C-alpha cells in the first residue's frame, strides 16, 4: 500500500491592502516631515510642524472648504466641457482624414501655448470670474483626452471592423458598437491625466485672474506669511489630486467591467 506523505499547506502571508498601504504611507510622510523639522531645526516661518499645520487645517476648515469648493467647481465644469468637446473632435477626425490634417496643427498650437500667456487674453475677453477659469481648464485638459480618444479609435481590430462592414453596418453603427468600446480604456487613461491637469489649471487660473479658490488662498497666505494656512492649503490640494485620480480609476473599473485585470 503506497505511503502518502502529508504536507502541511503553506500559510499565505497576507500583505496590506491598498487603503492600509495608503494610511501607512501618510504616516511615514508625516513622520519624515516631523523628523526633518526637528533634526534640521527648520524655522517655523518656513516649514511648520505637522501638528500645527493640522491644527490650522481644523481651525480654519470653513475658509479652506469654501475655497476648495470653488476650485473643484471650476475644475469639474472645465473637465466636463473639455472631455465632451475632445470626444466630438476625435469622432470628426476619425471620420475625415482631411479635417484632421487641416485642423490638428491648430490644436497642437493651442496645446503648446503657455497658459501664463493665454490667461490674460482670456481675462480681457470674458472678464474675471467663473467663465475665465473654466476656459483655462478646458485648454489644459482638452489635449490629453483628445489624443487618448484618437489612439483608442485607431486601435480597433481590422478583422472586427471588416466583420461589421460585411454585415452591413454603417459608419455610425461601427463607431457606437466597436470604436467606442475599444477606445474606453484609452479614454479613461487620458481622463486621469486630464483630471489632474484640470485641478492644476484651475489653481493657476485663480493665481492669474484673482478668482476665488485654493490657488488664491495659497497666494494670499504666502504673501501674508501665514505659513500654517499655506501648508494646509497645499495638503488639501494634494489630497484632492489623489482623490480625483482614485475616483477616476473607480469609475473606470465600474464602466469597463470586461477589462478588469484582477
Protein backbone atom coordinates (compact mmCIF):
# COMPACT_ATOMS: atom_id res chain seq x y z
CA UNK A 1 0.00 0.00 0.00
CA UNK A 2 1.60 3.30 -1.02
CA UNK A 3 2.62 5.61 1.74
CA UNK A 4 1.12 9.06 1.48
CA UNK A 5 3.17 11.96 2.67
CA UNK A 6 1.09 14.58 4.36
CA UNK A 7 2.46 18.04 3.73
CA UNK A 8 1.01 20.87 5.73
CA UNK A 9 -0.25 23.65 3.49
CA UNK A 10 1.95 26.71 3.48
CA UNK A 11 0.48 29.66 5.28
CA UNK A 12 -0.13 32.58 2.98
CA UNK A 13 1.38 35.85 4.06
CA UNK A 14 -1.34 38.46 3.99
CA UNK A 15 0.01 41.70 2.61
CA UNK A 16 -1.56 45.06 3.45
CA UNK A 17 -4.31 46.12 1.09
CA UNK A 18 -4.44 49.40 -0.80
CA UNK A 19 -6.17 51.55 1.87
CA UNK A 20 -3.86 50.24 4.59
CA UNK A 21 -0.80 50.95 2.47
CA UNK A 22 -2.12 54.45 1.82
CA UNK A 23 -2.54 55.11 5.55
CA UNK A 24 0.93 53.72 6.25
CA UNK A 25 2.39 55.95 3.55
CA UNK A 26 0.68 59.01 5.02
CA UNK A 27 2.03 58.11 8.47
CA UNK A 28 5.54 57.66 7.03
CA UNK A 29 5.36 61.03 5.29
CA UNK A 30 4.17 62.69 8.50
CA UNK A 31 6.98 61.09 10.49
CA UNK A 32 9.53 62.15 7.88
CA UNK A 33 8.14 65.70 7.94
CA UNK A 34 8.33 65.92 11.74
CA UNK A 35 11.82 64.38 11.82
CA UNK A 36 13.10 66.82 9.19
CA UNK A 37 11.71 69.80 11.12
CA UNK A 38 13.25 68.57 14.38
CA UNK A 39 16.64 67.34 13.16
CA UNK A 40 17.33 70.11 10.67
CA UNK A 41 15.89 72.73 13.06
CA UNK A 42 13.85 74.31 10.31
CA UNK A 43 12.30 77.63 11.35
CA UNK A 44 8.55 77.59 11.79
CA UNK A 45 8.10 80.57 9.48
CA UNK A 46 9.38 78.38 6.63
CA UNK A 47 8.21 74.86 7.44
CA UNK A 48 5.70 74.41 10.27
CA UNK A 49 5.34 71.15 12.15
CA UNK A 50 2.66 68.63 11.09
CA UNK A 51 0.83 69.22 14.37
CA UNK A 52 0.49 72.98 13.91
CA UNK A 53 -0.50 72.52 10.27
CA UNK A 54 -3.26 70.06 11.14
CA UNK A 55 -4.44 72.37 13.93
CA UNK A 56 -4.74 75.22 11.44
CA UNK A 57 -6.46 72.92 8.96
CA UNK A 58 -9.13 72.06 11.54
CA UNK A 59 -9.45 75.56 12.98
CA UNK A 60 -9.85 77.24 9.58
CA UNK A 61 -11.71 74.45 7.84
CA UNK A 62 -14.56 76.78 6.89
CA UNK A 63 -12.31 79.07 4.84
CA UNK A 64 -10.42 76.16 3.29
CA UNK A 65 -13.60 74.26 2.43
CA UNK A 66 -15.16 77.29 0.76
CA UNK A 67 -12.11 77.90 -1.42
CA UNK A 68 -11.82 74.18 -2.19
CA UNK A 69 -15.39 74.05 -3.47
CA UNK A 70 -14.67 76.96 -5.84
CA UNK A 71 -11.62 75.14 -7.24
CA UNK A 72 -13.49 71.85 -7.58
CA UNK A 73 -16.44 73.53 -9.30
CA UNK A 74 -14.24 75.24 -11.87
CA UNK A 75 -12.16 72.10 -12.48
CA UNK A 76 -15.21 69.85 -12.82
CA UNK A 77 -17.03 72.19 -15.22
CA UNK A 78 -13.92 72.65 -17.36
CA UNK A 79 -13.15 68.92 -17.39
CA UNK A 80 -16.70 68.00 -18.45
CA UNK A 81 -16.71 70.57 -21.25
CA UNK A 82 -13.23 69.66 -22.49
CA UNK A 83 -13.98 65.91 -22.41
CA UNK A 84 -17.20 66.29 -24.38
CA UNK A 85 -15.54 68.59 -26.92
CA UNK A 86 -12.46 66.34 -27.21
CA UNK A 87 -14.60 63.24 -27.88
CA UNK A 88 -16.60 65.14 -30.52
CA UNK A 89 -13.41 66.35 -32.23
CA UNK A 90 -11.93 62.83 -32.08
CA UNK A 91 -15.04 61.44 -33.80
CA UNK A 92 -14.82 64.09 -36.53
CA UNK A 93 -11.09 63.44 -37.00
CA UNK A 94 -11.77 59.71 -37.28
CA UNK A 95 -14.43 60.27 -39.91
CA UNK A 96 -12.38 62.70 -42.03
CA UNK A 97 -8.63 62.48 -42.64
CA UNK A 98 -8.67 65.81 -44.48
CA UNK A 99 -10.21 67.52 -41.46
CA UNK A 100 -7.51 66.01 -39.27
CA UNK A 101 -4.68 67.26 -41.46
CA UNK A 102 -6.21 70.74 -41.69
CA UNK A 103 -7.09 71.19 -38.01
CA UNK A 104 -4.53 69.24 -35.99
CA UNK A 105 -1.79 71.92 -36.33
CA UNK A 106 -4.10 74.46 -34.68
CA UNK A 107 -4.90 72.00 -31.87
CA UNK A 108 -1.19 71.42 -31.27
CA UNK A 109 -0.52 75.16 -31.34
CA UNK A 110 -3.23 75.69 -28.73
CA UNK A 111 -1.69 72.98 -26.55
CA UNK A 112 1.84 74.36 -26.77
CA UNK A 113 0.78 77.93 -25.96
CA UNK A 114 1.71 78.68 -22.31
CA UNK A 115 -1.31 79.25 -20.08
CA UNK A 116 0.50 82.12 -18.39
CA UNK A 117 0.41 83.98 -21.70
CA UNK A 118 -3.10 82.90 -22.68
CA UNK A 119 -4.80 83.63 -19.34
CA UNK A 120 -4.53 87.46 -19.57
CA UNK A 121 -6.10 87.38 -23.04
CA UNK A 122 -8.96 85.25 -21.76
CA UNK A 123 -9.46 87.65 -18.85
CA UNK A 124 -9.63 90.61 -21.24
CA UNK A 125 -12.22 88.88 -23.42
CA UNK A 126 -14.58 87.33 -20.84
CA UNK A 127 -13.52 89.16 -17.69
CA UNK A 128 -12.56 87.79 -14.28
CA UNK A 129 -14.82 85.11 -12.92
CA UNK A 130 -16.02 81.57 -13.26
CA UNK A 131 -16.08 81.54 -17.07
CA UNK A 132 -12.44 82.55 -17.44
CA UNK A 133 -11.39 79.79 -15.03
CA UNK A 134 -13.41 77.20 -16.93
CA UNK A 135 -11.84 78.22 -20.25
CA UNK A 136 -8.34 77.87 -18.78
CA UNK A 137 -9.21 74.39 -17.52
CA UNK A 138 -10.61 73.43 -20.93
CA UNK A 139 -7.39 74.45 -22.66
CA UNK A 140 -5.27 72.48 -20.18
CA UNK A 141 -7.33 69.27 -20.16
CA UNK A 142 -8.54 69.08 -23.77
CA UNK A 143 -5.42 67.67 -25.43
CA UNK A 144 -4.85 64.55 -23.23
CA UNK A 145 -8.46 63.41 -23.75
CA UNK A 146 -8.29 64.05 -27.49
CA UNK A 147 -5.04 62.14 -28.00
CA UNK A 148 -6.19 59.20 -25.88
CA UNK A 149 -9.53 59.03 -27.68
CA UNK A 150 -7.89 59.14 -31.11
CA UNK A 151 -5.49 56.39 -30.06
CA UNK A 152 -8.40 54.29 -28.85
CA UNK A 153 -10.35 54.76 -32.08
CA UNK A 154 -7.27 53.78 -34.09
CA UNK A 155 -6.66 50.60 -32.06
CA UNK A 156 -9.74 48.85 -33.45
CA UNK A 157 -9.05 45.41 -34.89
CA UNK A 158 -9.21 45.39 -38.66
CA UNK A 159 -10.88 41.97 -38.57
CA UNK A 160 -13.67 43.18 -36.30
CA UNK A 161 -14.20 46.27 -38.43
CA UNK A 162 -14.41 44.19 -41.61
CA UNK A 163 -16.87 41.84 -39.91
CA UNK A 164 -19.22 44.72 -39.17
CA UNK A 165 -18.76 46.09 -42.69
CA UNK A 166 -19.61 42.72 -44.26
CA UNK A 167 -22.78 42.54 -42.17
CA UNK A 168 -23.91 45.92 -43.48
CA UNK A 169 -23.08 48.13 -40.50
CA UNK A 170 -22.93 51.85 -41.20
CA UNK A 171 -20.04 54.06 -40.07
CA UNK A 172 -22.16 55.38 -37.22
CA UNK A 173 -23.01 51.83 -36.10
CA UNK A 174 -19.35 50.83 -36.29
CA UNK A 175 -18.47 53.85 -34.21
CA UNK A 176 -21.00 53.06 -31.49
CA UNK A 177 -20.67 49.27 -31.44
CA UNK A 178 -16.93 48.89 -32.00
CA UNK A 179 -14.83 52.03 -31.79
CA UNK A 180 -16.27 53.48 -28.58
CA UNK A 181 -15.99 50.26 -26.51
CA UNK A 182 -12.46 49.74 -27.81
CA UNK A 183 -11.46 53.32 -27.02
CA UNK A 184 -12.82 53.37 -23.45
CA UNK A 185 -9.60 52.15 -21.72
CA UNK A 186 -7.57 54.73 -23.64
CA UNK A 187 -10.16 57.41 -22.89
CA UNK A 188 -10.04 56.80 -19.15
CA UNK A 189 -6.24 56.85 -19.21
CA UNK A 190 -6.45 60.30 -20.77
CA UNK A 191 -9.10 61.36 -18.27
CA UNK A 192 -6.78 60.54 -15.37
CA UNK A 193 -4.16 62.87 -16.77
CA UNK A 194 -6.74 65.49 -17.71
CA UNK A 195 -8.32 65.45 -14.23
CA UNK A 196 -5.02 66.25 -12.55
CA UNK A 197 -4.33 68.90 -15.17
CA UNK A 198 -7.78 70.38 -14.56
CA UNK A 199 -7.06 70.93 -10.86
CA UNK A 200 -3.67 72.49 -11.56
CA UNK A 201 -5.12 74.68 -14.30
CA UNK A 202 -7.96 75.76 -12.03
CA UNK A 203 -5.49 76.89 -9.34
CA UNK A 204 -3.27 78.52 -11.96
CA UNK A 205 -6.25 80.45 -13.29
CA UNK A 206 -7.01 81.62 -9.76
CA UNK A 207 -3.44 82.86 -9.36
CA UNK A 208 -3.56 84.75 -12.65
CA UNK A 209 -7.11 86.11 -12.55
CA UNK A 210 -7.66 86.55 -8.81
CA UNK A 211 -10.71 84.27 -8.75
CA UNK A 212 -11.69 82.54 -5.53
CA UNK A 213 -10.23 79.11 -4.85
CA UNK A 214 -7.29 77.22 -3.43
CA UNK A 215 -4.90 78.95 -5.81
CA UNK A 216 -5.82 82.39 -4.50
CA UNK A 217 -5.74 81.08 -0.92
CA UNK A 218 -2.20 79.77 -1.40
CA UNK A 219 -1.11 83.04 -2.99
CA UNK A 220 -2.67 85.22 -0.28
CA UNK A 221 -1.36 83.10 2.60
CA UNK A 222 2.16 83.20 1.13
CA UNK A 223 2.03 87.00 0.83
CA UNK A 224 0.68 87.32 4.38
CA UNK A 225 3.32 84.88 5.71
CA UNK A 226 0.58 82.67 7.11
CA UNK A 227 2.70 79.55 6.75
CA UNK A 228 0.36 77.14 8.54
CA UNK A 229 -2.54 78.12 6.28
CA UNK A 230 -0.27 77.90 3.24
CA UNK A 231 0.80 74.35 4.04
CA UNK A 232 -2.76 73.39 4.93
CA UNK A 233 -3.96 74.54 1.50
CA UNK A 234 -1.10 72.65 -0.18
CA UNK A 235 -2.05 69.47 1.68
CA UNK A 236 -5.69 69.86 0.65
CA UNK A 237 -4.70 70.40 -3.00
CA UNK A 238 -2.51 67.27 -2.90
CA UNK A 239 -5.26 65.18 -1.35
CA UNK A 240 -7.69 66.46 -3.98
CA UNK A 241 -5.36 65.36 -6.80
CA UNK A 242 -5.00 61.90 -5.26
CA UNK A 243 -8.75 61.68 -4.71
CA UNK A 244 -9.58 62.64 -8.29
CA UNK A 245 -7.08 60.09 -9.61
CA UNK A 246 -8.58 57.37 -7.37
CA UNK A 247 -12.15 58.32 -8.29
CA UNK A 248 -11.38 58.16 -12.00
CA UNK A 249 -9.95 54.69 -11.52
CA UNK A 250 -13.03 53.53 -9.63
CA UNK A 251 -15.33 54.85 -12.36
CA UNK A 252 -13.18 53.14 -14.99
CA UNK A 253 -13.42 49.77 -13.22
CA UNK A 254 -17.19 50.20 -12.94
CA UNK A 255 -17.73 51.17 -16.57
CA UNK A 256 -15.18 48.88 -18.24
CA UNK A 257 -16.11 45.80 -16.23
CA UNK A 258 -14.92 43.46 -19.04
CA UNK A 259 -11.38 44.87 -18.94
CA UNK A 260 -10.56 44.15 -15.29
CA UNK A 261 -7.20 42.55 -14.60
CA UNK A 262 -7.98 41.36 -11.06
